[in-house]
């Protein structure tokens, strides 16, 4: 199976969406609540964390020439929340943009046969826009309130 390479533009668009959002928000807006426990900055730190996880998965998969699936689950969000909350908002914003850019580039250049394995295991590991846009939509909705 050949992967539809449209993921490249989808990921770039979501990264650009993060960059535009970050560039227009004040420090106060970065502290705006998103849901019960999160702020905009925490949402960005969350995205940076999960994108960094994928960078790690890509590195290990490529090095070992076989799919690496870390044993990590959604519980990590709850465990990490206090850590993300103390990251200065502007730094969380920078991490969100920088990490998304690094991951987009890495995915674009990743060996096709290994990329297919990743995609088959979990489409969201390759089409990062799916995860990013989910949270960016929540941020957009929260900022309207």
N, C-alpha and C. Protein backbone atom coordinates (compact mmCIF):
# COMPACT_ATOMS: atom_id res chain seq x y z
N UNK A 1 0.84 -1.19 0.00
CA UNK A 1 0.00 0.00 0.00
C UNK A 1 0.88 1.25 0.00
N UNK A 2 0.52 2.21 -0.81
CA UNK A 2 1.24 3.48 -0.84
C UNK A 2 0.41 4.50 -0.07
N UNK A 3 1.07 5.18 0.84
CA UNK A 3 0.38 6.17 1.67
C UNK A 3 0.06 7.41 0.86
N UNK A 4 -1.14 7.91 1.06
CA UNK A 4 -1.55 9.17 0.46
C UNK A 4 -0.69 10.28 1.07
N UNK A 5 0.12 10.91 0.28
CA UNK A 5 1.06 11.92 0.77
C UNK A 5 0.40 13.26 1.11
N UNK A 6 -0.92 13.31 1.05
CA UNK A 6 -1.60 14.55 1.43
C UNK A 6 -1.40 14.87 2.91
N UNK A 7 -0.94 13.88 3.68
CA UNK A 7 -0.68 14.15 5.10
C UNK A 7 0.35 15.27 5.26
N UNK A 8 1.23 15.42 4.28
CA UNK A 8 2.27 16.46 4.36
C UNK A 8 1.62 17.83 4.42
N UNK A 9 0.72 18.11 3.51
CA UNK A 9 0.04 19.41 3.50
C UNK A 9 -0.88 19.57 4.70
N UNK A 10 -1.54 18.50 5.12
CA UNK A 10 -2.40 18.57 6.30
C UNK A 10 -1.58 18.92 7.53
N UNK A 11 -0.44 18.26 7.69
CA UNK A 11 0.41 18.55 8.84
C UNK A 11 0.97 19.98 8.77
N UNK A 12 1.41 20.39 7.59
CA UNK A 12 1.92 21.76 7.43
C UNK A 12 0.84 22.78 7.77
N UNK A 13 -0.39 22.51 7.33
CA UNK A 13 -1.49 23.44 7.60
C UNK A 13 -1.77 23.53 9.11
N UNK A 14 -1.71 22.39 9.80
CA UNK A 14 -1.96 22.44 11.24
C UNK A 14 -0.82 23.14 11.97
N UNK A 15 0.40 22.96 11.50
CA UNK A 15 1.54 23.67 12.09
C UNK A 15 1.40 25.17 11.86
N UNK A 16 1.02 25.54 10.66
CA UNK A 16 0.81 26.96 10.35
C UNK A 16 -0.32 27.53 11.22
N UNK A 17 -1.34 26.72 11.46
CA UNK A 17 -2.44 27.14 12.32
C UNK A 17 -1.93 27.41 13.73
N UNK A 18 -1.06 26.56 14.24
CA UNK A 18 -0.47 26.78 15.56
C UNK A 18 0.35 28.08 15.54
N UNK A 19 1.18 28.23 14.52
CA UNK A 19 2.05 29.42 14.42
C UNK A 19 1.21 30.70 14.40
N UNK A 20 0.16 30.73 13.58
CA UNK A 20 -0.69 31.93 13.49
C UNK A 20 -1.38 32.21 14.82
N UNK A 21 -1.88 31.16 15.45
CA UNK A 21 -2.55 31.33 16.74
C UNK A 21 -1.59 31.93 17.76
N UNK A 22 -0.42 31.35 17.86
CA UNK A 22 0.58 31.81 18.83
C UNK A 22 1.02 33.25 18.57
N UNK A 23 1.15 33.59 17.30
CA UNK A 23 1.64 34.93 16.96
C UNK A 23 0.64 36.04 17.32
N UNK A 24 -0.64 35.70 17.42
CA UNK A 24 -1.63 36.75 17.69
C UNK A 24 -2.10 36.79 19.14
N UNK A 25 -1.70 35.80 19.95
CA UNK A 25 -2.20 35.75 21.32
C UNK A 25 -1.28 36.50 22.28
N UNK A 26 -1.90 37.19 23.21
CA UNK A 26 -1.14 37.85 24.29
C UNK A 26 -0.82 36.80 25.36
N UNK A 27 0.04 37.17 26.28
CA UNK A 27 0.35 36.27 27.39
C UNK A 27 -0.92 35.96 28.19
N UNK A 28 -1.77 36.96 28.33
CA UNK A 28 -3.03 36.74 29.06
C UNK A 28 -3.92 35.75 28.32
N UNK A 29 -4.00 35.86 27.00
CA UNK A 29 -4.82 34.93 26.22
C UNK A 29 -4.26 33.51 26.28
N UNK A 30 -2.95 33.37 26.39
CA UNK A 30 -2.35 32.04 26.52
C UNK A 30 -2.79 31.36 27.82
N UNK A 31 -3.22 32.16 28.80
CA UNK A 31 -3.71 31.63 30.07
C UNK A 31 -5.22 31.41 30.08
N UNK A 32 -5.88 31.69 28.96
CA UNK A 32 -7.34 31.54 28.86
C UNK A 32 -7.72 30.07 29.06
N UNK A 33 -8.75 29.81 29.87
CA UNK A 33 -9.16 28.42 30.10
C UNK A 33 -9.65 27.73 28.81
N UNK A 34 -9.30 26.47 28.72
CA UNK A 34 -9.81 25.59 27.66
C UNK A 34 -10.33 24.36 28.39
N UNK A 35 -11.62 24.31 28.57
CA UNK A 35 -12.19 23.22 29.35
C UNK A 35 -11.97 23.46 30.83
N UNK A 36 -12.12 22.40 31.60
CA UNK A 36 -12.08 22.52 33.06
C UNK A 36 -10.67 22.69 33.63
N UNK A 37 -9.68 22.01 33.06
CA UNK A 37 -8.37 22.00 33.68
C UNK A 37 -7.26 22.61 32.82
N UNK A 38 -7.53 22.85 31.57
CA UNK A 38 -6.49 23.30 30.65
C UNK A 38 -6.58 24.79 30.39
N UNK A 39 -5.48 25.33 29.88
CA UNK A 39 -5.43 26.68 29.32
C UNK A 39 -4.95 26.53 27.89
N UNK A 40 -4.92 27.62 27.14
CA UNK A 40 -4.38 27.58 25.78
C UNK A 40 -2.93 27.11 25.83
N UNK A 41 -2.15 27.64 26.77
CA UNK A 41 -0.74 27.24 26.89
C UNK A 41 -0.60 25.76 27.19
N UNK A 42 -1.45 25.23 28.05
CA UNK A 42 -1.40 23.80 28.37
C UNK A 42 -1.75 22.98 27.13
N UNK A 43 -2.73 23.42 26.36
CA UNK A 43 -3.07 22.71 25.12
C UNK A 43 -1.86 22.67 24.18
N UNK A 44 -1.13 23.77 24.10
CA UNK A 44 0.06 23.81 23.24
C UNK A 44 1.17 22.93 23.79
N UNK A 45 1.35 22.92 25.11
CA UNK A 45 2.35 22.03 25.71
C UNK A 45 1.98 20.57 25.48
N UNK A 46 0.70 20.27 25.56
CA UNK A 46 0.19 18.92 25.29
C UNK A 46 0.53 18.50 23.86
N UNK A 47 0.27 19.37 22.92
CA UNK A 47 0.57 19.06 21.51
C UNK A 47 2.07 18.85 21.33
N UNK A 48 2.88 19.69 21.96
CA UNK A 48 4.34 19.54 21.85
C UNK A 48 4.78 18.21 22.44
N UNK A 49 4.22 17.82 23.56
CA UNK A 49 4.57 16.55 24.19
C UNK A 49 4.29 15.38 23.26
N UNK A 50 3.09 15.32 22.70
CA UNK A 50 2.71 14.18 21.86
C UNK A 50 3.45 14.20 20.52
N UNK A 51 3.76 15.40 20.01
CA UNK A 51 4.58 15.46 18.79
C UNK A 51 6.02 15.02 19.10
N UNK A 52 6.54 15.37 20.28
CA UNK A 52 7.88 14.91 20.66
C UNK A 52 7.90 13.39 20.84
N UNK A 53 6.82 12.85 21.34
CA UNK A 53 6.71 11.40 21.45
C UNK A 53 6.86 10.77 20.07
N UNK A 54 6.20 11.37 19.08
CA UNK A 54 6.29 10.81 17.73
C UNK A 54 7.69 10.97 17.16
N UNK A 55 8.39 12.04 17.48
CA UNK A 55 9.78 12.18 17.05
C UNK A 55 10.62 11.03 17.62
N UNK A 56 10.37 10.69 18.86
CA UNK A 56 11.08 9.58 19.49
C UNK A 56 10.74 8.26 18.80
N UNK A 57 9.45 8.04 18.52
CA UNK A 57 9.03 6.82 17.83
C UNK A 57 9.69 6.73 16.45
N UNK A 58 9.74 7.84 15.73
CA UNK A 58 10.37 7.84 14.41
C UNK A 58 11.86 7.51 14.51
N UNK A 59 12.54 8.13 15.48
CA UNK A 59 13.97 7.87 15.64
C UNK A 59 14.24 6.39 15.92
N UNK A 60 13.51 5.83 16.86
CA UNK A 60 13.72 4.44 17.25
C UNK A 60 13.30 3.48 16.13
N UNK A 61 12.20 3.77 15.46
CA UNK A 61 11.74 2.93 14.36
C UNK A 61 12.77 2.92 13.24
N UNK A 62 13.28 4.09 12.90
CA UNK A 62 14.26 4.15 11.81
C UNK A 62 15.57 3.48 12.21
N UNK A 63 16.01 3.72 13.42
CA UNK A 63 17.27 3.13 13.87
C UNK A 63 17.20 1.60 13.88
N UNK A 64 16.08 1.06 14.39
CA UNK A 64 15.93 -0.40 14.50
C UNK A 64 15.38 -1.04 13.25
N UNK A 65 14.92 -0.20 12.31
CA UNK A 65 14.34 -0.68 11.04
C UNK A 65 13.12 -1.55 11.27
N UNK A 66 12.39 -1.27 12.34
CA UNK A 66 11.12 -1.95 12.61
C UNK A 66 10.27 -1.03 13.49
N UNK A 67 8.97 -1.22 13.41
CA UNK A 67 8.04 -0.37 14.14
C UNK A 67 8.27 -0.46 15.64
N UNK A 68 8.41 0.70 16.26
CA UNK A 68 8.52 0.80 17.72
C UNK A 68 7.21 1.37 18.24
N UNK A 69 6.58 0.65 19.15
CA UNK A 69 5.32 1.10 19.76
C UNK A 69 5.55 1.24 21.25
N UNK A 70 5.69 2.49 21.74
CA UNK A 70 5.94 2.69 23.17
C UNK A 70 4.70 2.35 24.00
N UNK A 71 4.95 1.87 25.18
CA UNK A 71 3.84 1.57 26.09
C UNK A 71 3.52 2.84 26.87
N UNK A 72 2.61 3.59 26.32
CA UNK A 72 2.22 4.88 26.90
C UNK A 72 0.75 5.06 26.56
N UNK A 73 0.00 5.61 27.46
CA UNK A 73 -1.41 5.78 27.17
C UNK A 73 -1.89 7.16 27.59
N UNK A 74 -3.16 7.34 27.47
CA UNK A 74 -3.78 8.64 27.71
C UNK A 74 -3.63 9.10 29.16
N UNK A 75 -3.37 8.17 30.07
CA UNK A 75 -3.14 8.52 31.47
C UNK A 75 -2.02 9.55 31.60
N UNK A 76 -1.11 9.53 30.66
CA UNK A 76 0.01 10.47 30.65
C UNK A 76 -0.50 11.91 30.67
N UNK A 77 -1.62 12.19 30.04
CA UNK A 77 -2.15 13.56 30.05
C UNK A 77 -2.43 14.02 31.48
N UNK A 78 -3.06 13.17 32.27
CA UNK A 78 -3.38 13.53 33.65
C UNK A 78 -2.12 13.65 34.50
N UNK A 79 -1.18 12.75 34.26
CA UNK A 79 0.08 12.78 35.02
C UNK A 79 0.89 14.03 34.67
N UNK A 80 0.87 14.41 33.41
CA UNK A 80 1.69 15.53 32.93
C UNK A 80 1.06 16.90 33.17
N UNK A 81 -0.22 16.95 33.43
CA UNK A 81 -0.92 18.23 33.56
C UNK A 81 -0.23 19.21 34.52
N UNK A 82 0.16 18.80 35.73
CA UNK A 82 0.82 19.77 36.62
C UNK A 82 2.15 20.27 36.05
N UNK A 83 2.85 19.44 35.31
CA UNK A 83 4.11 19.87 34.70
C UNK A 83 3.86 20.88 33.59
N UNK A 84 2.87 20.58 32.75
CA UNK A 84 2.55 21.49 31.65
C UNK A 84 2.07 22.84 32.18
N UNK A 85 1.37 22.81 33.31
CA UNK A 85 0.80 24.04 33.87
C UNK A 85 1.88 25.01 34.35
N UNK A 86 3.07 24.53 34.69
CA UNK A 86 4.11 25.44 35.18
C UNK A 86 5.05 25.91 34.07
N UNK A 87 4.86 25.42 32.86
CA UNK A 87 5.66 25.93 31.74
C UNK A 87 5.17 27.34 31.44
N UNK A 88 6.07 28.32 31.39
CA UNK A 88 5.62 29.68 31.06
C UNK A 88 4.84 29.65 29.73
N UNK A 89 3.71 30.36 29.66
CA UNK A 89 2.85 30.29 28.49
C UNK A 89 3.56 30.55 27.16
N UNK A 90 4.40 31.55 27.12
CA UNK A 90 5.10 31.86 25.87
C UNK A 90 6.03 30.72 25.46
N UNK A 91 6.63 30.07 26.46
CA UNK A 91 7.51 28.93 26.19
C UNK A 91 6.70 27.73 25.69
N UNK A 92 5.52 27.51 26.27
CA UNK A 92 4.64 26.44 25.79
C UNK A 92 4.25 26.69 24.34
N UNK A 93 3.99 27.94 24.01
CA UNK A 93 3.64 28.31 22.63
C UNK A 93 4.81 28.02 21.70
N UNK A 94 6.02 28.40 22.10
CA UNK A 94 7.21 28.15 21.28
C UNK A 94 7.42 26.65 21.08
N UNK A 95 7.28 25.89 22.16
CA UNK A 95 7.43 24.43 22.07
C UNK A 95 6.42 23.83 21.10
N UNK A 96 5.19 24.32 21.16
CA UNK A 96 4.15 23.81 20.27
C UNK A 96 4.51 24.01 18.81
N UNK A 97 4.97 25.20 18.46
CA UNK A 97 5.33 25.50 17.07
C UNK A 97 6.60 24.76 16.66
N UNK A 98 7.65 24.87 17.46
CA UNK A 98 8.93 24.26 17.10
C UNK A 98 8.83 22.75 16.95
N UNK A 99 8.12 22.12 17.85
CA UNK A 99 8.01 20.66 17.80
C UNK A 99 7.18 20.22 16.61
N UNK A 100 6.10 20.92 16.33
CA UNK A 100 5.27 20.58 15.17
C UNK A 100 6.08 20.70 13.88
N UNK A 101 6.87 21.76 13.78
CA UNK A 101 7.71 21.95 12.59
C UNK A 101 8.72 20.82 12.44
N UNK A 102 9.38 20.47 13.54
CA UNK A 102 10.39 19.41 13.49
C UNK A 102 9.77 18.07 13.11
N UNK A 103 8.61 17.78 13.66
CA UNK A 103 7.95 16.52 13.34
C UNK A 103 7.47 16.49 11.90
N UNK A 104 6.91 17.59 11.43
CA UNK A 104 6.46 17.64 10.02
C UNK A 104 7.61 17.31 9.09
N UNK A 105 8.75 17.95 9.32
CA UNK A 105 9.93 17.73 8.46
C UNK A 105 10.39 16.28 8.53
N UNK A 106 10.42 15.74 9.73
CA UNK A 106 10.87 14.36 9.92
C UNK A 106 9.95 13.38 9.21
N UNK A 107 8.65 13.58 9.32
CA UNK A 107 7.69 12.69 8.66
C UNK A 107 7.81 12.77 7.14
N UNK A 108 8.03 13.98 6.62
CA UNK A 108 8.16 14.16 5.18
C UNK A 108 9.34 13.38 4.62
N UNK A 109 10.40 13.26 5.40
CA UNK A 109 11.63 12.63 4.94
C UNK A 109 11.78 11.19 5.40
N UNK A 110 10.81 10.67 6.14
CA UNK A 110 10.92 9.35 6.76
C UNK A 110 10.89 8.26 5.69
N UNK A 111 11.66 7.18 5.88
CA UNK A 111 11.66 6.09 4.90
C UNK A 111 10.24 5.58 4.62
N UNK A 112 9.85 5.53 3.36
CA UNK A 112 8.47 5.19 2.99
C UNK A 112 7.97 3.86 3.55
N UNK A 113 8.81 2.83 3.56
CA UNK A 113 8.35 1.53 4.04
C UNK A 113 8.05 1.56 5.54
N UNK A 114 8.83 2.31 6.28
CA UNK A 114 8.59 2.44 7.72
C UNK A 114 7.41 3.38 7.98
N UNK A 115 7.27 4.39 7.15
CA UNK A 115 6.13 5.30 7.27
C UNK A 115 4.82 4.53 7.08
N UNK A 116 4.81 3.61 6.13
CA UNK A 116 3.62 2.79 5.90
C UNK A 116 3.29 1.94 7.13
N UNK A 117 4.33 1.38 7.76
CA UNK A 117 4.09 0.59 8.98
C UNK A 117 3.48 1.45 10.07
N UNK A 118 4.03 2.65 10.25
CA UNK A 118 3.48 3.57 11.25
C UNK A 118 2.03 3.89 10.95
N UNK A 119 1.77 4.20 9.69
CA UNK A 119 0.42 4.57 9.26
C UNK A 119 -0.56 3.42 9.50
N UNK A 120 -0.14 2.23 9.16
CA UNK A 120 -1.00 1.05 9.36
C UNK A 120 -1.29 0.81 10.83
N UNK A 121 -0.29 1.07 11.66
CA UNK A 121 -0.49 0.89 13.10
C UNK A 121 -1.45 1.95 13.66
N UNK A 122 -1.21 3.20 13.27
CA UNK A 122 -2.05 4.28 13.78
C UNK A 122 -1.93 5.48 12.84
N UNK A 123 -2.98 5.74 12.09
CA UNK A 123 -3.00 6.84 11.11
C UNK A 123 -2.63 8.18 11.76
N UNK A 124 -3.06 8.38 13.00
CA UNK A 124 -2.80 9.65 13.70
C UNK A 124 -1.31 9.85 13.99
N UNK A 125 -0.52 8.81 13.93
CA UNK A 125 0.91 8.96 14.14
C UNK A 125 1.55 9.65 12.95
N UNK A 126 0.94 9.53 11.78
CA UNK A 126 1.48 10.14 10.57
C UNK A 126 0.72 11.43 10.24
N UNK A 127 -0.58 11.39 10.31
CA UNK A 127 -1.40 12.57 10.02
C UNK A 127 -1.59 13.31 11.35
N UNK A 128 -0.56 14.03 11.75
CA UNK A 128 -0.57 14.72 13.04
C UNK A 128 -1.64 15.80 13.09
N UNK A 129 -2.05 16.27 11.93
CA UNK A 129 -3.10 17.29 11.86
C UNK A 129 -4.37 16.81 12.56
N UNK A 130 -4.64 15.52 12.55
CA UNK A 130 -5.84 15.01 13.20
C UNK A 130 -5.84 15.33 14.69
N UNK A 131 -4.73 15.11 15.34
CA UNK A 131 -4.62 15.40 16.78
C UNK A 131 -4.53 16.91 17.02
N UNK A 132 -3.70 17.58 16.25
CA UNK A 132 -3.51 19.02 16.45
C UNK A 132 -4.82 19.77 16.25
N UNK A 133 -5.50 19.49 15.15
CA UNK A 133 -6.72 20.23 14.84
C UNK A 133 -7.82 19.99 15.87
N UNK A 134 -7.86 18.81 16.41
CA UNK A 134 -8.84 18.49 17.46
C UNK A 134 -8.68 19.48 18.62
N UNK A 135 -7.45 19.68 19.08
CA UNK A 135 -7.22 20.58 20.20
C UNK A 135 -7.26 22.05 19.79
N UNK A 136 -6.82 22.35 18.60
CA UNK A 136 -6.90 23.74 18.13
C UNK A 136 -8.35 24.18 17.97
N UNK A 137 -9.22 23.27 17.58
CA UNK A 137 -10.65 23.59 17.52
C UNK A 137 -11.19 23.91 18.91
N UNK A 138 -10.75 23.14 19.91
CA UNK A 138 -11.17 23.40 21.29
C UNK A 138 -10.66 24.77 21.75
N UNK A 139 -9.43 25.08 21.40
CA UNK A 139 -8.85 26.39 21.75
C UNK A 139 -9.64 27.51 21.10
N UNK A 140 -9.91 27.36 19.81
CA UNK A 140 -10.68 28.40 19.08
C UNK A 140 -12.04 28.62 19.75
N UNK A 141 -12.71 27.54 20.10
CA UNK A 141 -14.03 27.66 20.74
C UNK A 141 -13.91 28.36 22.10
N UNK A 142 -12.90 27.99 22.87
CA UNK A 142 -12.72 28.59 24.20
C UNK A 142 -12.41 30.08 24.09
N UNK A 143 -11.64 30.47 23.09
CA UNK A 143 -11.28 31.88 22.94
C UNK A 143 -12.46 32.74 22.48
N UNK A 144 -13.47 32.14 21.92
CA UNK A 144 -14.67 32.88 21.51
C UNK A 144 -15.54 33.25 22.71
N UNK A 145 -15.35 32.55 23.81
CA UNK A 145 -16.20 32.77 24.99
C UNK A 145 -15.71 33.92 25.83
